[in-house]
Amino acid sequence: MTVKKSLLSVKNLCFRRDDTDILRAICLDINEGEVLQIEGVNGSGKTTLLRLLTSALSPSEGSIHFCGKPLTDCRFDYLSSILFLGHQSAVKMGLTAEENLAWMSGLMEHSHSIACALEAFDLKGYSDIPCHRLSAGQQRRVALARLMLSNVKIWYLDEPFAALDTQGCTLVEQCMQRHINGGGAVVLSTHQSVALESLRRYSLPALNQHELYR
């Protein structure tokens, strides 16, 4: 049996807000070639955990190691190795779909890679339209098309299937499968069933049923 390399190791991670425990004693590993699905009811802290893993939030206790090094010692390398897509599209409404992807990926506008990504996400013919004129589903597809342009190690995806039809969901799954086949890793939160190879699940307990954190 092949032992997969651990990219990120999390030990006893805790997060408190206003003296209230949101997450407590989280221990997990993110391995290359795997998808880790974070599960939990609304309020269990799924989005909070993703923000901690991306270093957008600082833990109250615990440690995070990237490739064996404390995250505090290699933060630049780590941030250069991850991609985070939230459950909101976060596209710039005044820019076109093509301009958004160029800005997000650092590629030149009118590049072949961007054109292919837009076409794959069924946005051919919409590349020069400002995103405020696109539907919510199309805006979501613009953001997710970035997956086809990314060469980082770890993807963090918060509700990636939101506002997508069946075809869009299948395409996102294909992108994730291709990423892990290449040795990358995916961490995602979703209420949707995911049919992917090398899928592991990590369930969060609902510590605070009355708090509106996900």
Protein backbone atom coordinates (compact mmCIF):
# COMPACT_ATOMS: atom_id res chain seq x y z
CA MET A 1 0.00 0.00 0.00
CA THR A 2 1.43 3.39 -1.04
CA VAL A 3 1.86 5.88 1.80
CA LYS A 4 0.73 9.32 0.69
CA LYS A 5 2.79 12.35 1.60
CA SER A 6 1.26 14.68 4.17
CA LEU A 7 1.13 18.25 2.90
CA LEU A 8 -0.52 19.78 5.97
CA SER A 9 -0.69 18.48 9.51
CA VAL A 10 -3.06 19.99 12.08
CA LYS A 11 -2.77 19.18 15.78
CA ASN A 12 -5.18 20.17 18.56
CA LEU A 13 -6.46 23.22 16.70
CA CYS A 14 -8.89 25.36 18.70
CA PHE A 15 -10.67 28.58 17.88
CA ARG A 16 -12.61 30.80 20.25
CA ARG A 17 -14.62 33.94 19.57
CA ASP A 18 -15.90 36.10 22.42
CA ASP A 19 -14.93 33.36 24.92
CA THR A 20 -17.06 30.84 23.01
CA ASP A 21 -15.53 27.66 21.59
CA ILE A 22 -16.20 27.44 17.86
CA LEU A 23 -13.73 24.62 17.15
CA ARG A 24 -12.01 22.40 19.66
CA ALA A 25 -9.10 19.94 19.40
CA ILE A 26 -9.10 19.53 15.61
CA CYS A 27 -6.53 16.98 14.43
CA LEU A 28 -6.23 16.10 10.76
CA ASP A 29 -3.81 15.56 7.90
CA ILE A 30 -4.14 16.76 4.32
CA ASN A 31 -2.37 14.35 1.99
CA GLU A 32 -1.30 14.67 -1.62
CA GLY A 33 -3.59 12.83 -4.02
CA GLU A 34 -6.60 13.03 -1.70
CA VAL A 35 -9.85 14.92 -1.26
CA LEU A 36 -10.81 15.75 2.33
CA GLN A 37 -14.48 16.59 2.77
CA ILE A 38 -15.30 18.61 5.88
CA GLU A 39 -18.73 17.63 7.19
CA GLY A 40 -20.95 19.09 9.86
CA VAL A 41 -24.31 20.69 10.50
CA ASN A 42 -24.78 24.43 10.07
CA GLY A 43 -23.02 26.08 12.98
CA SER A 44 -20.34 23.41 13.38
CA GLY A 45 -17.55 25.65 12.05
CA LYS A 46 -16.78 24.36 8.53
CA THR A 47 -16.03 27.77 7.01
CA THR A 48 -14.15 28.82 10.14
CA LEU A 49 -11.92 25.75 9.83
CA LEU A 50 -11.17 26.51 6.18
CA ARG A 51 -10.24 30.07 7.11
CA LEU A 52 -7.92 28.77 9.81
CA LEU A 53 -6.29 26.36 7.37
CA THR A 54 -5.69 29.17 4.87
CA SER A 55 -4.28 31.36 7.70
CA ALA A 56 -7.00 33.99 7.18
CA LEU A 57 -7.77 33.41 10.86
CA SER A 58 -5.32 32.64 13.67
CA PRO A 59 -6.04 29.69 15.97
CA SER A 60 -6.51 30.17 19.69
CA GLU A 61 -4.49 27.01 20.33
CA GLY A 62 -2.82 24.23 18.38
CA SER A 63 -0.36 23.99 15.50
CA ILE A 64 -0.34 23.77 11.71
CA HIS A 65 2.64 22.34 9.82
CA PHE A 66 3.17 22.59 6.06
CA CYS A 67 5.48 19.94 4.60
CA GLY A 68 6.84 19.33 8.09
CA LYS A 69 7.55 22.98 8.94
CA PRO A 70 5.58 25.22 11.32
CA LEU A 71 3.32 27.44 9.26
CA THR A 72 4.77 30.51 10.97
CA ASP A 73 8.19 29.61 9.49
CA CYS A 74 7.05 29.12 5.89
CA ARG A 75 3.96 31.27 5.47
CA PHE A 76 5.01 32.80 2.15
CA ASP A 77 5.75 29.39 0.60
CA TYR A 78 2.46 28.09 1.96
CA LEU A 79 0.34 30.95 0.65
CA SER A 80 2.00 30.45 -2.74
CA SER A 81 0.89 26.81 -2.63
CA ILE A 82 -2.83 27.18 -1.91
CA LEU A 83 -6.00 28.34 -3.62
CA PHE A 84 -9.14 29.35 -1.71
CA LEU A 85 -12.57 29.71 -3.30
CA GLY A 86 -15.36 30.75 -0.95
CA HIS A 87 -19.04 29.94 -1.26
CA GLN A 88 -19.56 33.42 -2.72
CA SER A 89 -18.29 34.05 -6.24
CA ALA A 90 -16.11 37.07 -5.29
CA VAL A 91 -15.70 38.21 -8.89
CA LYS A 92 -15.23 41.89 -9.70
CA MET A 93 -18.56 42.91 -11.19
CA GLY A 94 -17.14 45.73 -13.31
CA LEU A 95 -14.68 43.40 -15.06
CA THR A 96 -15.48 40.93 -17.79
CA ALA A 97 -15.21 37.18 -17.28
CA GLU A 98 -11.90 37.17 -19.14
CA GLU A 99 -10.53 40.14 -17.18
CA ASN A 100 -11.51 38.47 -13.89
CA LEU A 101 -9.65 35.28 -14.76
CA ALA A 102 -6.60 37.23 -15.91
CA TRP A 103 -6.60 39.15 -12.63
CA MET A 104 -7.13 36.01 -10.51
CA SER A 105 -4.56 33.86 -12.30
CA GLY A 106 -1.91 36.40 -13.26
CA LEU A 107 -2.16 35.36 -16.92
CA MET A 108 -2.46 37.73 -19.84
CA GLU A 109 -5.88 38.53 -21.23
CA HIS A 110 -6.81 36.72 -24.45
CA SER A 111 -4.54 33.83 -23.47
CA HIS A 112 -5.37 30.38 -24.82
CA SER A 113 -5.56 28.93 -21.29
CA ILE A 114 -8.20 31.44 -20.20
CA ALA A 115 -10.21 30.86 -23.37
CA CYS A 116 -10.15 27.10 -22.75
CA ALA A 117 -11.18 27.51 -19.11
CA LEU A 118 -14.13 29.73 -20.05
CA GLU A 119 -15.23 27.32 -22.76
CA ALA A 120 -14.98 24.34 -20.41
CA PHE A 121 -17.27 26.10 -17.93
CA ASP A 122 -19.79 26.86 -20.67
CA LEU A 123 -18.87 30.57 -20.84
CA LYS A 124 -17.81 30.74 -24.45
CA GLY A 125 -19.35 33.90 -25.90
CA TYR A 126 -19.51 35.58 -22.49
CA SER A 127 -15.81 36.41 -22.11
CA ASP A 128 -16.21 40.13 -22.90
CA ILE A 129 -19.41 40.71 -20.90
CA PRO A 130 -19.15 42.54 -17.53
CA CYS A 131 -19.90 40.12 -14.72
CA HIS A 132 -22.73 42.26 -13.33
CA ARG A 133 -24.68 41.26 -16.45
CA LEU A 134 -24.17 37.54 -15.84
CA SER A 135 -26.47 35.31 -13.80
CA ALA A 136 -25.45 34.08 -10.35
CA GLY A 137 -24.66 30.68 -11.84
CA GLN A 138 -22.51 32.21 -14.57
CA GLN A 139 -20.65 34.35 -12.04
CA ARG A 140 -20.00 31.21 -10.05
CA ARG A 141 -18.65 29.50 -13.15
CA VAL A 142 -16.26 32.41 -13.76
CA ALA A 143 -14.81 31.96 -10.27
CA LEU A 144 -14.58 28.18 -10.61
CA ALA A 145 -12.93 28.38 -14.03
CA ARG A 146 -9.88 29.44 -12.06
CA LEU A 147 -9.49 25.77 -11.07
CA MET A 148 -8.39 24.99 -14.61
CA LEU A 149 -5.66 27.64 -14.40
CA SER A 150 -4.24 26.74 -11.00
CA ASN A 151 -1.00 24.82 -10.44
CA VAL A 152 -0.83 25.13 -6.64
CA LYS A 153 -0.76 22.13 -4.30
CA ILE A 154 -3.83 22.54 -2.08
CA TRP A 155 -7.30 23.73 -3.05
CA TYR A 156 -9.66 24.94 -0.32
CA LEU A 157 -13.22 25.01 -1.67
CA ASP A 158 -16.10 26.29 0.45
CA GLU A 159 -19.43 25.09 -0.99
CA PRO A 160 -18.05 24.83 -4.55
CA PHE A 161 -21.33 23.45 -5.96
CA ALA A 162 -23.47 26.41 -4.88
CA ALA A 163 -25.57 27.93 -7.71
CA LEU A 164 -24.40 25.25 -10.18
CA ASP A 165 -26.52 22.91 -12.27
CA THR A 166 -25.76 19.20 -12.65
CA GLN A 167 -23.39 19.79 -15.56
CA GLY A 168 -21.45 22.41 -13.58
CA CYS A 169 -21.18 20.13 -10.55
CA THR A 170 -19.83 17.32 -12.72
CA LEU A 171 -17.22 19.64 -14.23
CA VAL A 172 -16.02 20.75 -10.79
CA GLU A 173 -15.69 17.12 -9.73
CA GLN A 174 -13.66 16.43 -12.87
CA CYS A 175 -11.35 19.34 -12.05
CA MET A 176 -10.84 18.00 -8.52
CA GLN A 177 -10.15 14.49 -9.79
CA ARG A 178 -7.58 15.79 -12.27
CA HIS A 179 -5.94 17.83 -9.52
CA ILE A 180 -5.51 14.91 -7.13
CA ASN A 181 -4.37 12.65 -9.98
CA GLY A 182 -1.51 15.12 -10.41
CA GLY A 183 -0.52 14.88 -6.74
CA GLY A 184 -2.50 17.85 -5.46
CA ALA A 185 -4.97 17.88 -2.58
CA VAL A 186 -8.47 19.26 -2.15
CA VAL A 187 -10.24 20.28 1.05
CA LEU A 188 -13.88 21.15 0.62
CA SER A 189 -17.06 21.75 2.55
CA THR A 190 -20.32 20.75 0.92
CA HIS A 191 -23.68 19.26 1.79
CA GLN A 192 -23.69 17.50 -1.57
CA SER A 193 -22.62 13.91 -2.06
CA VAL A 194 -19.23 13.74 -3.79
CA ALA A 195 -18.29 10.71 -5.87
CA LEU A 196 -14.51 10.95 -6.14
CA GLU A 197 -11.64 8.55 -5.75
CA SER A 198 -9.41 8.98 -2.69
CA LEU A 199 -12.13 10.81 -0.73
CA ARG A 200 -11.86 11.02 3.05
CA ARG A 201 -14.38 12.65 5.37
CA TYR A 202 -13.77 14.64 8.54
CA SER A 203 -16.83 15.36 10.68
CA LEU A 204 -17.04 18.39 12.96
CA PRO A 205 -19.11 18.22 16.13
CA ALA A 206 -21.71 20.94 16.61
CA LEU A 207 -20.35 22.59 19.75
CA ASN A 208 -22.60 25.65 19.64
CA GLN A 209 -25.96 25.03 18.05
CA HIS A 210 -27.05 28.63 18.53
CA GLU A 211 -24.06 30.25 16.86
CA LEU A 212 -24.38 31.19 13.19
CA TYR A 213 -20.99 29.90 12.04
CA ARG A 214 -20.51 27.34 9.28
